[in-house]
Amino acid sequence: MMRGMGNMQGMMKQVQKMQKDMEKAQSELNEREFVGEATNQLVTATFTGDRKLKDISIKEDVVDPEDVEMLQDLVIMAVNDGLAKVEKETESTMGKYTKGLPGF
């Protein structure tokens, strides 16, 4: 009976260590920056790892009052690219902790 309790304590320590490692990895990921780009970097969108838009940059030569739709498309493209980069890195970083767990 005691032997089973020792295994349980060991398992709990492993779970606690994994939880601390996950929190550290998430914190480090949140501090990183990811830059999404539209065609030829005409528009760039910078995100933090927790998917917050930090900056958006639009080159002057793409601003055409006669073609606002193109600018809108470039902004959407840059934002989606940035979010995709955050998602890919999140999967890569956090996936090792969540792989095989129900709901992940």
N, C-alpha and C. Protein backbone atom coordinates (compact mmCIF):
# COMPACT_ATOMS: atom_id res chain seq x y z
N MET A 1 0.82 -1.20 0.00
CA MET A 1 0.00 0.00 0.00
C MET A 1 0.86 1.26 0.00
N MET A 2 1.88 1.29 0.84
CA MET A 2 2.76 2.45 0.91
C MET A 2 3.52 2.65 -0.40
N ARG A 3 3.83 1.54 -1.03
CA ARG A 3 4.57 1.62 -2.29
C ARG A 3 3.77 2.42 -3.33
N GLY A 4 2.48 2.16 -3.38
CA GLY A 4 1.61 2.88 -4.30
C GLY A 4 1.56 4.37 -3.99
N MET A 5 1.61 4.73 -2.72
CA MET A 5 1.61 6.13 -2.33
C MET A 5 2.89 6.82 -2.77
N GLY A 6 4.02 6.12 -2.70
CA GLY A 6 5.29 6.68 -3.15
C GLY A 6 5.26 6.99 -4.63
N ASN A 7 4.68 6.08 -5.39
CA ASN A 7 4.54 6.31 -6.83
C ASN A 7 3.66 7.52 -7.11
N MET A 8 2.61 7.62 -6.31
CA MET A 8 1.68 8.74 -6.48
C MET A 8 2.37 10.06 -6.17
N GLN A 9 3.17 10.10 -5.12
CA GLN A 9 3.90 11.32 -4.77
C GLN A 9 4.89 11.68 -5.87
N GLY A 10 5.57 10.69 -6.40
CA GLY A 10 6.51 10.92 -7.49
C GLY A 10 5.81 11.47 -8.71
N MET A 11 4.64 10.91 -8.99
CA MET A 11 3.86 11.38 -10.13
C MET A 11 3.41 12.83 -9.92
N MET A 12 2.99 13.14 -8.70
CA MET A 12 2.55 14.51 -8.40
C MET A 12 3.70 15.51 -8.57
N LYS A 13 4.90 15.10 -8.16
CA LYS A 13 6.07 15.97 -8.33
C LYS A 13 6.34 16.20 -9.82
N GLN A 14 6.21 15.15 -10.61
CA GLN A 14 6.42 15.28 -12.06
C GLN A 14 5.38 16.23 -12.66
N VAL A 15 4.14 16.10 -12.23
CA VAL A 15 3.07 16.96 -12.74
C VAL A 15 3.34 18.41 -12.34
N GLN A 16 3.77 18.64 -11.11
CA GLN A 16 4.07 20.00 -10.66
C GLN A 16 5.24 20.59 -11.45
N LYS A 17 6.26 19.78 -11.72
CA LYS A 17 7.40 20.25 -12.51
C LYS A 17 6.95 20.59 -13.92
N MET A 18 6.12 19.72 -14.51
CA MET A 18 5.63 19.97 -15.86
C MET A 18 4.81 21.25 -15.89
N GLN A 19 4.01 21.48 -14.85
CA GLN A 19 3.19 22.70 -14.80
C GLN A 19 4.08 23.94 -14.74
N LYS A 20 5.14 23.90 -13.94
CA LYS A 20 6.07 25.03 -13.86
C LYS A 20 6.76 25.24 -15.19
N ASP A 21 7.17 24.15 -15.84
CA ASP A 21 7.82 24.24 -17.14
C ASP A 21 6.88 24.85 -18.17
N MET A 22 5.61 24.45 -18.13
CA MET A 22 4.61 25.00 -19.06
C MET A 22 4.42 26.48 -18.84
N GLU A 23 4.32 26.89 -17.58
CA GLU A 23 4.14 28.30 -17.27
C GLU A 23 5.33 29.12 -17.74
N LYS A 24 6.53 28.59 -17.55
CA LYS A 24 7.73 29.30 -17.99
C LYS A 24 7.75 29.41 -19.51
N ALA A 25 7.44 28.30 -20.19
CA ALA A 25 7.43 28.31 -21.66
C ALA A 25 6.38 29.29 -22.18
N GLN A 26 5.20 29.33 -21.56
CA GLN A 26 4.15 30.25 -21.98
C GLN A 26 4.58 31.69 -21.76
N SER A 27 5.21 31.95 -20.64
CA SER A 27 5.68 33.31 -20.33
C SER A 27 6.73 33.76 -21.35
N GLU A 28 7.66 32.87 -21.66
CA GLU A 28 8.69 33.21 -22.65
C GLU A 28 8.06 33.43 -24.02
N LEU A 29 7.09 32.61 -24.37
CA LEU A 29 6.39 32.76 -25.65
C LEU A 29 5.67 34.10 -25.71
N ASN A 30 5.02 34.49 -24.62
CA ASN A 30 4.28 35.75 -24.58
C ASN A 30 5.18 36.96 -24.77
N GLU A 31 6.43 36.85 -24.37
CA GLU A 31 7.37 37.97 -24.49
C GLU A 31 7.96 38.11 -25.88
N ARG A 32 7.87 37.07 -26.69
CA ARG A 32 8.42 37.13 -28.05
C ARG A 32 7.54 37.97 -28.96
N GLU A 33 8.16 38.45 -30.04
CA GLU A 33 7.41 39.22 -31.04
C GLU A 33 7.39 38.44 -32.35
N PHE A 34 6.27 38.55 -33.05
CA PHE A 34 6.07 37.89 -34.32
C PHE A 34 5.60 38.94 -35.32
N VAL A 35 6.24 38.98 -36.48
CA VAL A 35 5.91 39.98 -37.48
C VAL A 35 5.25 39.32 -38.68
N GLY A 36 4.03 39.72 -38.93
CA GLY A 36 3.31 39.27 -40.12
C GLY A 36 3.54 40.28 -41.22
N GLU A 37 3.61 39.76 -42.44
CA GLU A 37 3.92 40.64 -43.57
C GLU A 37 2.92 40.45 -44.70
N ALA A 38 2.63 41.55 -45.38
CA ALA A 38 1.88 41.50 -46.62
C ALA A 38 2.90 41.63 -47.75
N THR A 39 2.45 41.54 -48.96
CA THR A 39 3.30 41.59 -50.14
C THR A 39 4.41 42.63 -50.03
N ASN A 40 5.64 42.19 -50.24
CA ASN A 40 6.83 43.05 -50.23
C ASN A 40 6.95 43.93 -48.97
N GLN A 41 6.43 43.45 -47.88
CA GLN A 41 6.46 44.16 -46.60
C GLN A 41 5.81 45.55 -46.69
N LEU A 42 4.83 45.69 -47.57
CA LEU A 42 4.13 46.97 -47.68
C LEU A 42 3.37 47.26 -46.40
N VAL A 43 2.89 46.20 -45.76
CA VAL A 43 2.23 46.31 -44.46
C VAL A 43 2.81 45.23 -43.57
N THR A 44 3.18 45.60 -42.35
CA THR A 44 3.64 44.61 -41.37
C THR A 44 2.81 44.79 -40.09
N ALA A 45 2.57 43.68 -39.44
CA ALA A 45 1.82 43.68 -38.18
C ALA A 45 2.63 42.90 -37.16
N THR A 46 2.94 43.53 -36.03
CA THR A 46 3.75 42.90 -34.99
C THR A 46 2.86 42.48 -33.82
N PHE A 47 2.97 41.21 -33.46
CA PHE A 47 2.18 40.65 -32.37
C PHE A 47 3.11 40.14 -31.28
N THR A 48 2.59 40.10 -30.06
CA THR A 48 3.27 39.40 -28.98
C THR A 48 2.77 37.95 -29.00
N GLY A 49 3.46 37.09 -28.28
CA GLY A 49 3.10 35.68 -28.26
C GLY A 49 1.72 35.40 -27.70
N ASP A 50 1.15 36.34 -26.96
CA ASP A 50 -0.20 36.14 -26.45
C ASP A 50 -1.25 36.78 -27.37
N ARG A 51 -0.86 36.95 -28.63
CA ARG A 51 -1.74 37.38 -29.73
C ARG A 51 -2.26 38.80 -29.60
N LYS A 52 -1.47 39.66 -29.00
CA LYS A 52 -1.84 41.07 -28.91
C LYS A 52 -1.11 41.84 -30.00
N LEU A 53 -1.85 42.65 -30.74
CA LEU A 53 -1.27 43.48 -31.79
C LEU A 53 -0.47 44.59 -31.11
N LYS A 54 0.82 44.64 -31.41
CA LYS A 54 1.71 45.61 -30.76
C LYS A 54 2.00 46.80 -31.68
N ASP A 55 2.07 46.53 -32.98
CA ASP A 55 2.42 47.59 -33.92
C ASP A 55 1.92 47.22 -35.30
N ILE A 56 1.60 48.23 -36.08
CA ILE A 56 1.27 48.01 -37.49
C ILE A 56 1.97 49.10 -38.29
N SER A 57 2.59 48.70 -39.37
CA SER A 57 3.35 49.64 -40.18
C SER A 57 2.85 49.56 -41.63
N ILE A 58 2.59 50.74 -42.20
CA ILE A 58 2.09 50.82 -43.58
C ILE A 58 3.02 51.75 -44.35
N LYS A 59 3.61 51.24 -45.42
CA LYS A 59 4.49 52.08 -46.24
C LYS A 59 3.65 53.11 -46.99
N GLU A 60 4.18 54.32 -47.06
CA GLU A 60 3.44 55.44 -47.67
C GLU A 60 3.01 55.17 -49.11
N ASP A 61 3.88 54.51 -49.87
CA ASP A 61 3.57 54.34 -51.29
C ASP A 61 2.39 53.40 -51.55
N VAL A 62 1.90 52.72 -50.52
CA VAL A 62 0.75 51.85 -50.70
C VAL A 62 -0.56 52.57 -50.38
N VAL A 63 -0.47 53.76 -49.82
CA VAL A 63 -1.67 54.53 -49.46
C VAL A 63 -2.17 55.28 -50.69
N ASP A 64 -3.27 54.79 -51.22
CA ASP A 64 -3.89 55.38 -52.40
C ASP A 64 -5.37 55.61 -52.09
N PRO A 65 -5.77 56.88 -51.93
CA PRO A 65 -7.17 57.15 -51.60
C PRO A 65 -8.16 56.58 -52.61
N GLU A 66 -7.68 56.32 -53.81
CA GLU A 66 -8.55 55.76 -54.86
C GLU A 66 -8.69 54.25 -54.74
N ASP A 67 -7.83 53.62 -53.92
CA ASP A 67 -7.85 52.16 -53.81
C ASP A 67 -7.70 51.73 -52.34
N VAL A 68 -8.65 52.12 -51.54
CA VAL A 68 -8.64 51.79 -50.11
C VAL A 68 -8.77 50.28 -49.91
N GLU A 69 -9.49 49.61 -50.80
CA GLU A 69 -9.68 48.17 -50.66
C GLU A 69 -8.35 47.41 -50.70
N MET A 70 -7.42 47.85 -51.54
CA MET A 70 -6.12 47.17 -51.60
C MET A 70 -5.40 47.30 -50.27
N LEU A 71 -5.44 48.47 -49.67
CA LEU A 71 -4.80 48.69 -48.37
C LEU A 71 -5.46 47.80 -47.31
N GLN A 72 -6.77 47.73 -47.34
CA GLN A 72 -7.47 46.87 -46.39
C GLN A 72 -7.04 45.41 -46.56
N ASP A 73 -6.94 44.97 -47.80
CA ASP A 73 -6.51 43.59 -48.07
C ASP A 73 -5.09 43.34 -47.55
N LEU A 74 -4.20 44.31 -47.74
CA LEU A 74 -2.83 44.16 -47.27
C LEU A 74 -2.76 44.10 -45.74
N VAL A 75 -3.57 44.91 -45.07
CA VAL A 75 -3.61 44.88 -43.61
C VAL A 75 -4.11 43.52 -43.13
N ILE A 76 -5.17 43.03 -43.72
CA ILE A 76 -5.71 41.71 -43.35
C ILE A 76 -4.66 40.63 -43.58
N MET A 77 -3.97 40.71 -44.71
CA MET A 77 -2.94 39.73 -45.03
C MET A 77 -1.82 39.73 -43.98
N ALA A 78 -1.36 40.90 -43.60
CA ALA A 78 -0.28 41.01 -42.61
C ALA A 78 -0.73 40.52 -41.24
N VAL A 79 -1.95 40.88 -40.84
CA VAL A 79 -2.48 40.45 -39.54
C VAL A 79 -2.63 38.93 -39.51
N ASN A 80 -3.22 38.36 -40.54
CA ASN A 80 -3.38 36.91 -40.58
C ASN A 80 -2.04 36.18 -40.60
N ASP A 81 -1.07 36.73 -41.30
CA ASP A 81 0.26 36.12 -41.34
C ASP A 81 0.90 36.15 -39.94
N GLY A 82 0.78 37.27 -39.25
CA GLY A 82 1.33 37.38 -37.90
C GLY A 82 0.68 36.41 -36.94
N LEU A 83 -0.64 36.31 -36.99
CA LEU A 83 -1.36 35.39 -36.11
C LEU A 83 -1.00 33.94 -36.42
N ALA A 84 -0.81 33.63 -37.69
CA ALA A 84 -0.42 32.26 -38.07
C ALA A 84 0.96 31.93 -37.51
N LYS A 85 1.86 32.89 -37.51
CA LYS A 85 3.20 32.66 -36.95
C LYS A 85 3.14 32.44 -35.45
N VAL A 86 2.31 33.20 -34.77
CA VAL A 86 2.14 33.02 -33.32
C VAL A 86 1.57 31.62 -33.05
N GLU A 87 0.55 31.24 -33.81
CA GLU A 87 -0.10 29.94 -33.62
C GLU A 87 0.88 28.79 -33.86
N LYS A 88 1.67 28.90 -34.91
CA LYS A 88 2.64 27.85 -35.23
C LYS A 88 3.66 27.69 -34.10
N GLU A 89 4.17 28.80 -33.59
CA GLU A 89 5.16 28.74 -32.52
C GLU A 89 4.53 28.26 -31.21
N THR A 90 3.28 28.65 -30.96
CA THR A 90 2.58 28.19 -29.77
C THR A 90 2.41 26.67 -29.81
N GLU A 91 2.00 26.16 -30.97
CA GLU A 91 1.85 24.72 -31.13
C GLU A 91 3.18 24.00 -30.92
N SER A 92 4.22 24.55 -31.49
CA SER A 92 5.54 23.96 -31.38
C SER A 92 6.04 23.97 -29.93
N THR A 93 5.86 25.09 -29.25
CA THR A 93 6.36 25.25 -27.89
C THR A 93 5.50 24.52 -26.87
N MET A 94 4.20 24.70 -26.94
CA MET A 94 3.32 24.15 -25.91
C MET A 94 2.83 22.74 -26.25
N GLY A 95 2.93 22.35 -27.50
CA GLY A 95 2.44 21.04 -27.92
C GLY A 95 3.10 19.89 -27.20
N LYS A 96 4.36 20.05 -26.83
CA LYS A 96 5.04 18.97 -26.13
C LYS A 96 4.44 18.71 -24.75
N TYR A 97 3.75 19.70 -24.20
CA TYR A 97 3.12 19.54 -22.89
C TYR A 97 1.68 19.02 -23.02
N THR A 98 1.02 19.40 -24.09
CA THR A 98 -0.40 19.09 -24.21
C THR A 98 -0.68 17.90 -25.11
N LYS A 99 0.30 17.43 -25.85
CA LYS A 99 0.09 16.32 -26.79
C LYS A 99 -0.43 15.09 -26.04
N GLY A 100 -1.52 14.56 -26.53
CA GLY A 100 -2.08 13.36 -25.94
C GLY A 100 -3.05 13.62 -24.80
N LEU A 101 -3.15 14.87 -24.35
CA LEU A 101 -4.10 15.18 -23.28
C LEU A 101 -5.48 15.40 -23.88
N PRO A 102 -6.51 14.94 -23.21
CA PRO A 102 -7.87 15.14 -23.72
C PRO A 102 -8.21 16.62 -23.86
N GLY A 103 -8.81 16.97 -24.96
CA GLY A 103 -9.22 18.36 -25.18
C GLY A 103 -8.16 19.23 -25.84
N PHE A 104 -6.98 18.67 -26.14
CA PHE A 104 -5.92 19.46 -26.75
C PHE A 104 -5.56 18.92 -28.11
